[in-house]
Protein backbone atom coordinates (compact mmCIF):
# COMPACT_ATOMS: atom_id res chain seq x y z
CA MET A 1 103.76 92.25 109.23
CA THR A 2 107.23 92.82 107.89
CA SER A 3 108.98 93.29 104.58
CA LEU A 4 110.91 90.27 103.37
CA ASP A 5 114.58 89.67 104.07
CA SER A 6 117.18 87.28 102.72
CA SER A 7 116.03 84.51 105.07
CA PHE A 8 112.58 84.38 103.44
CA THR A 9 111.53 81.28 101.55
CA GLY A 10 107.94 81.10 100.44
CA VAL A 11 105.16 82.12 98.10
CA LEU A 12 103.35 85.44 97.88
CA CYS A 13 99.95 85.61 96.21
CA PRO A 14 99.16 88.39 93.72
CA ILE A 15 95.60 88.44 94.98
CA VAL A 16 92.71 89.10 92.62
CA THR A 17 90.29 91.96 93.28
CA PRO A 18 86.72 90.65 93.73
CA LEU A 19 84.20 93.10 92.29
CA ASP A 20 80.50 93.83 92.71
CA ASP A 21 79.02 96.07 90.02
CA GLY A 22 82.41 97.70 89.44
CA GLU A 23 83.17 98.31 93.10
CA VAL A 24 85.63 96.44 95.32
CA ASP A 25 83.82 93.65 97.17
CA GLU A 26 85.60 94.01 100.50
CA GLU A 27 83.79 91.11 102.16
CA SER A 28 84.76 88.69 99.40
CA LEU A 29 88.31 90.07 99.36
CA ALA A 30 88.68 89.47 103.09
CA SER A 31 87.29 85.93 102.72
CA LEU A 32 89.66 85.25 99.83
CA THR A 33 92.61 86.53 101.86
CA GLN A 34 91.69 84.16 104.68
CA PHE A 35 91.27 81.24 102.25
CA ILE A 36 94.74 81.84 100.84
CA LEU A 37 96.29 82.10 104.31
CA GLU A 38 94.63 78.86 105.42
CA GLY A 39 96.03 77.20 102.30
CA GLY A 40 99.57 77.92 103.49
CA VAL A 41 100.69 80.85 101.32
CA ASP A 42 103.13 83.19 103.07
CA GLY A 43 102.07 86.68 102.00
CA PHE A 44 100.29 88.90 99.53
CA PHE A 45 100.91 91.10 96.51
CA PRO A 46 97.73 93.23 96.14
CA CYS A 47 97.25 95.59 93.20
CA GLY A 48 99.45 93.59 90.87
CA THR A 49 98.72 92.50 87.31
CA THR A 50 96.31 89.74 88.39
CA GLY A 51 94.72 92.23 90.78
CA GLU A 52 93.82 94.53 87.84
CA PHE A 53 95.72 97.50 89.31
CA ALA A 54 95.67 99.40 86.02
CA SER A 55 91.85 99.44 86.00
CA LEU A 56 91.33 100.48 89.63
CA ALA A 57 90.71 104.03 90.83
CA PRO A 58 93.14 105.35 93.49
CA GLU A 59 90.59 104.94 96.27
CA GLN A 60 89.90 101.37 95.11
CA ARG A 61 93.60 100.49 95.24
CA SER A 62 93.70 101.80 98.80
CA GLN A 63 90.59 99.76 99.65
CA VAL A 64 92.21 96.61 98.34
CA ILE A 65 95.50 97.11 100.18
CA ASP A 66 93.78 98.09 103.42
CA THR A 67 91.46 95.06 103.36
CA VAL A 68 94.27 92.61 102.58
CA ALA A 69 96.65 94.13 105.15
CA GLU A 70 93.99 94.11 107.87
CA THR A 71 93.09 90.47 107.20
CA ALA A 72 96.63 89.21 106.60
CA GLY A 73 97.79 89.51 110.21
CA ASP A 74 101.52 88.79 110.38
CA ALA A 75 101.80 87.82 106.71
CA SER A 76 103.83 90.15 104.50
CA VAL A 77 102.03 92.55 102.16
CA ILE A 78 103.95 93.96 99.19
CA ALA A 79 101.62 96.29 97.30
CA GLY A 80 101.87 97.01 93.61
CA ALA A 81 102.70 100.68 93.05
CA ALA A 82 103.29 100.84 89.31
CA GLY A 83 103.27 104.26 87.70
CA THR A 84 104.39 105.92 84.48
CA SER A 85 106.45 108.66 86.15
CA VAL A 86 108.47 109.23 89.31
CA PRO A 87 105.81 111.50 90.92
CA GLU A 88 102.97 109.09 90.12
CA THR A 89 104.92 106.10 91.43
CA LEU A 90 105.80 107.93 94.65
CA GLU A 91 102.13 108.86 95.07
CA ARG A 92 101.13 105.22 94.73
CA ILE A 93 103.80 104.18 97.23
CA ALA A 94 102.43 106.74 99.69
CA GLU A 95 98.91 105.37 99.14
CA ALA A 96 100.19 101.86 99.82
CA GLU A 97 101.94 102.94 103.02
CA ALA A 98 98.82 104.72 104.29
CA ALA A 99 96.75 101.60 103.56
CA GLY A 100 99.05 99.37 105.62
CA ALA A 101 101.45 97.75 103.16
CA ASP A 102 104.86 96.61 104.38
CA ALA A 103 106.61 97.34 101.08
CA ALA A 104 105.88 98.30 97.49
CA ALA A 105 106.67 96.75 94.11
CA ILE A 106 107.55 99.04 91.23
CA VAL A 107 107.94 98.53 87.48
CA GLY A 108 109.95 100.47 84.94
CA PRO A 109 108.30 103.40 83.13
CA TYR A 110 105.89 101.48 80.92
CA PHE A 111 105.07 104.27 78.46
CA HIS A 112 108.58 105.62 77.81
CA THR A 113 110.16 102.27 77.01
CA GLN A 114 112.93 103.29 74.60
CA ASN A 115 115.34 104.70 77.15
CA ALA A 116 118.97 105.64 76.69
CA ALA A 117 121.51 103.57 78.57
CA GLY A 118 121.18 104.25 82.28
CA GLY A 119 117.73 105.82 82.03
CA THR A 120 115.91 102.94 83.69
CA GLN A 121 118.43 102.80 86.53
CA GLN A 122 118.10 106.55 87.11
CA TYR A 123 114.31 106.19 87.19
CA PHE A 124 114.38 103.47 89.85
CA GLU A 125 116.99 105.35 91.91
CA ALA A 126 114.90 108.53 91.81
CA VAL A 127 111.92 106.60 93.18
CA ALA A 128 114.01 104.75 95.77
CA ASP A 129 115.61 107.96 97.04
CA GLU A 130 112.19 109.32 98.05
CA SER A 131 110.23 106.15 98.79
CA ALA A 132 108.31 105.88 102.04
CA LEU A 133 108.49 102.06 101.89
CA PRO A 134 111.06 99.35 101.14
CA LEU A 135 110.93 98.51 97.44
CA TYR A 136 110.93 95.41 95.28
CA LEU A 137 111.59 95.66 91.56
CA TYR A 138 109.00 94.02 89.32
CA ASN A 139 110.52 92.82 86.05
CA ILE A 140 107.69 92.15 83.60
CA PRO A 141 109.00 92.87 80.09
CA MET A 142 105.84 91.59 78.37
CA TYR A 143 104.02 94.72 79.59
CA VAL A 144 106.79 97.25 80.17
CA GLY A 145 108.57 96.83 76.85
CA ASP A 146 112.10 96.49 78.19
CA GLY A 147 113.22 94.21 80.96
CA ILE A 148 115.67 95.37 83.62
CA ASP A 149 119.05 94.02 82.57
CA ALA A 150 120.91 91.96 85.14
CA GLU A 151 123.76 94.45 85.58
CA THR A 152 121.27 97.22 86.33
CA VAL A 153 119.56 95.02 88.90
CA GLY A 154 122.95 94.39 90.47
CA ALA A 155 123.61 98.12 90.76
CA LEU A 156 120.12 98.82 92.12
CA ALA A 157 120.51 96.07 94.72
CA GLU A 158 123.09 98.27 96.45
CA HIS A 159 120.44 100.93 97.20
CA ASP A 160 119.26 100.75 100.81
CA SER A 161 115.59 100.97 99.84
CA ILE A 162 115.63 98.27 97.14
CA ARG A 163 115.30 94.89 98.84
CA GLY A 164 114.56 92.43 96.06
CA MET A 165 112.82 91.62 92.79
CA LYS A 166 109.96 89.65 91.27
CA ASP A 167 111.04 88.37 87.86
CA THR A 168 108.26 87.57 85.40
CA SER A 169 110.47 87.33 82.33
CA GLY A 170 110.13 83.55 82.15
CA ASP A 171 113.86 83.37 81.37
CA LEU A 172 115.79 81.15 83.79
CA SER A 173 119.14 82.18 82.30
CA TYR A 174 118.33 85.80 83.10
CA PHE A 175 117.11 84.77 86.56
CA LEU A 176 120.40 83.03 87.29
CA SER A 177 122.34 86.03 85.97
CA VAL A 178 120.46 88.34 88.35
CA ASP A 179 121.25 85.97 91.20
CA ARG A 180 124.96 86.20 90.35
CA GLN A 181 124.89 90.00 90.02
CA THR A 182 123.14 90.76 93.32
CA ASN A 183 124.29 90.63 96.92
CA GLU A 184 123.29 87.95 99.43
CA GLU A 185 120.70 90.20 101.07
CA PHE A 186 118.72 90.66 97.85
CA VAL A 187 115.40 88.75 97.82
CA LEU A 188 114.88 87.12 94.42
CA MET A 189 111.41 85.78 93.61
CA GLN A 190 110.22 83.89 90.55
CA GLY A 191 107.08 85.20 88.85
CA PHE A 192 106.25 82.31 86.49
CA ASP A 193 104.17 79.66 88.26
CA THR A 194 105.67 76.94 86.06
CA LEU A 195 109.26 77.83 87.01
CA LEU A 196 109.05 77.75 90.80
CA VAL A 197 110.70 74.33 91.24
CA PRO A 198 113.77 75.10 89.11
CA ALA A 199 114.02 78.56 90.66
CA LEU A 200 114.00 77.12 94.18
CA ARG A 201 116.63 74.57 93.18
CA MET A 202 118.75 77.46 91.87
CA GLY A 203 118.53 79.24 95.22
CA SER A 204 115.52 81.52 94.78
CA ASN A 205 113.78 82.85 97.88
CA GLY A 206 110.44 81.74 96.45
CA GLY A 207 107.86 83.21 94.14
CA VAL A 208 104.85 85.41 93.50
CA HIS A 209 102.26 83.20 91.83
CA ALA A 210 98.75 83.91 90.55
CA LEU A 211 97.58 80.35 91.10
CA GLY A 212 98.28 80.83 94.80
CA ASN A 213 94.81 82.39 94.75
CA VAL A 214 93.23 79.13 93.62
CA ILE A 215 95.37 76.22 94.83
CA PRO A 216 97.39 77.65 97.74
CA GLU A 217 97.66 74.23 99.35
CA VAL A 218 99.46 72.90 96.26
CA PHE A 219 102.06 75.67 96.47
CA ALA A 220 102.52 75.07 100.19
CA GLU A 221 103.24 71.39 99.52
CA LEU A 222 105.49 72.23 96.57
CA LEU A 223 107.67 74.42 98.80
CA GLU A 224 108.19 71.45 101.10
CA THR A 225 108.92 69.00 98.28
CA ALA A 226 110.71 71.13 95.66
CA ASP A 227 113.87 69.00 95.81
CA SER A 228 111.98 65.75 95.33
CA GLU A 229 110.12 64.01 92.52
CA ARG A 230 106.87 64.92 94.26
CA GLY A 231 107.66 68.62 93.82
CA ALA A 232 108.39 68.10 90.14
CA ASP A 233 105.11 66.19 89.75
CA LEU A 234 103.13 69.01 91.37
CA GLN A 235 104.79 71.57 89.10
CA ARG A 236 104.25 69.51 85.95
CA GLU A 237 100.86 67.86 86.55
CA ALA A 238 98.99 70.21 88.91
CA ILE A 239 100.26 73.72 88.22
CA ALA A 240 101.36 73.74 84.56
CA PRO A 241 98.03 72.79 82.91
CA LEU A 242 96.09 75.37 84.91
CA PHE A 243 98.77 78.00 84.29
CA GLU A 244 98.52 77.39 80.55
CA LEU A 245 94.77 78.04 80.64
CA CYS A 246 95.32 81.26 82.59
CA ALA A 247 97.90 82.36 80.04
CA GLU A 248 95.48 81.58 77.21
CA TYR A 249 92.37 83.23 78.65
CA GLY A 250 93.91 85.99 80.76
CA PHE A 251 95.11 85.70 84.34
CA ALA A 252 92.50 87.85 86.07
CA PRO A 253 89.44 86.38 84.29
CA ALA A 254 90.71 82.80 84.45
CA THR A 255 91.81 83.01 88.08
CA LYS A 256 88.45 84.46 89.07
CA ALA A 257 86.65 81.71 87.13
CA ALA A 258 88.70 79.13 89.04
CA LEU A 259 87.85 80.78 92.36
CA VAL A 260 84.14 80.75 91.49
CA HIS A 261 84.51 77.02 90.78
CA ARG A 262 85.96 76.54 94.27
CA ASP A 263 83.14 78.68 95.78
CA VAL A 264 85.66 81.16 97.18
CA ILE A 265 84.26 84.28 95.48
CA PRO A 266 80.69 84.77 94.20
CA THR A 267 81.35 86.14 90.69
CA ASP A 268 84.09 86.39 88.09
CA GLU A 269 83.41 90.07 87.34
CA VAL A 270 86.41 91.94 85.91
CA LYS A 271 87.05 95.56 85.00
CA PRO A 272 87.07 96.73 81.36
CA PRO A 273 88.84 96.17 79.05
CA LEU A 274 88.91 92.62 80.45
CA VAL A 275 85.84 90.44 79.95
CA SER A 276 84.46 87.50 81.91
CA LEU A 277 84.77 84.04 80.40
CA ASP A 278 81.97 82.00 78.86
CA GLU A 279 80.35 78.92 80.37
CA ASP A 280 82.38 76.41 78.35
CA THR A 281 85.65 78.04 79.41
CA HIS A 282 84.49 78.06 83.03
CA GLU A 283 83.91 74.32 82.75
CA GLU A 284 87.34 73.76 81.20
CA ILE A 285 89.04 75.73 83.96
CA GLY A 286 87.00 73.98 86.65
CA GLU A 287 88.12 70.58 85.37
CA ALA A 288 91.76 71.73 85.48
CA VAL A 289 91.31 72.92 89.07
CA ASP A 290 89.84 69.57 90.09
CA ARG A 291 92.72 67.71 88.42
CA ALA A 292 95.28 69.93 90.15
CA LEU A 293 93.75 69.20 93.55
CA SER A 294 93.73 65.45 92.87
CA ILE A 295 97.44 65.11 92.03
């Protein structure tokens, strides 16, 4: 396993956390990891948003990362290490390293969101100066409050420990601006499943996509066909409708419902405050999965 470099082109999966009565179902997690690998996805992003990191206890996060890293073989594992302070974030990075991750992904301070100019950059630099692992920025303004402006990303890209970024802003203009502001070694990954084709055509290294849990084979084909009409068809007809349902019903519950439909995991149990979806919604999601696989 290795952290990503500028030569990487591919898709990482922000893997869900299968649960059994509130505990991590390690057997199902290992089986899911293998399913995703066999589908052609290139690596993993455990303990991310779709993985319900915010609801997991520290020992559960370590369980998840350890299980994924052990099963992933040579595939890259970038573990979510989001925290609300520098010490907490560094502690989560250390947990990720001990559990076998190759790198860690960090978000801005998501409680103190009204920062003076330069505050966010100083925060990331303070973490990077002490980090035990290579780092990837995780820009997700819908949850953090403020995105990381492109100029700040450009400055942070010069830090030896900061290797790249996952952008889940959904803003292609911002994405292109970050690409212009950063050096050639910086790994830039798209976080919106519906924007992978345009991002790849703009020179992105790839993406981190929740639906890689469910339809990894579609993403593997899309990577090979992104410059063709077939790639556009897969993005528009296979991925977009399922992504819209996940956005409507919640990514963790909807992704787990889709995986139950494919008989990959046994239950769609989620941690509070999330709730599992009803039977009608399961049926709606299952139909979207079947359509995606038939495109």
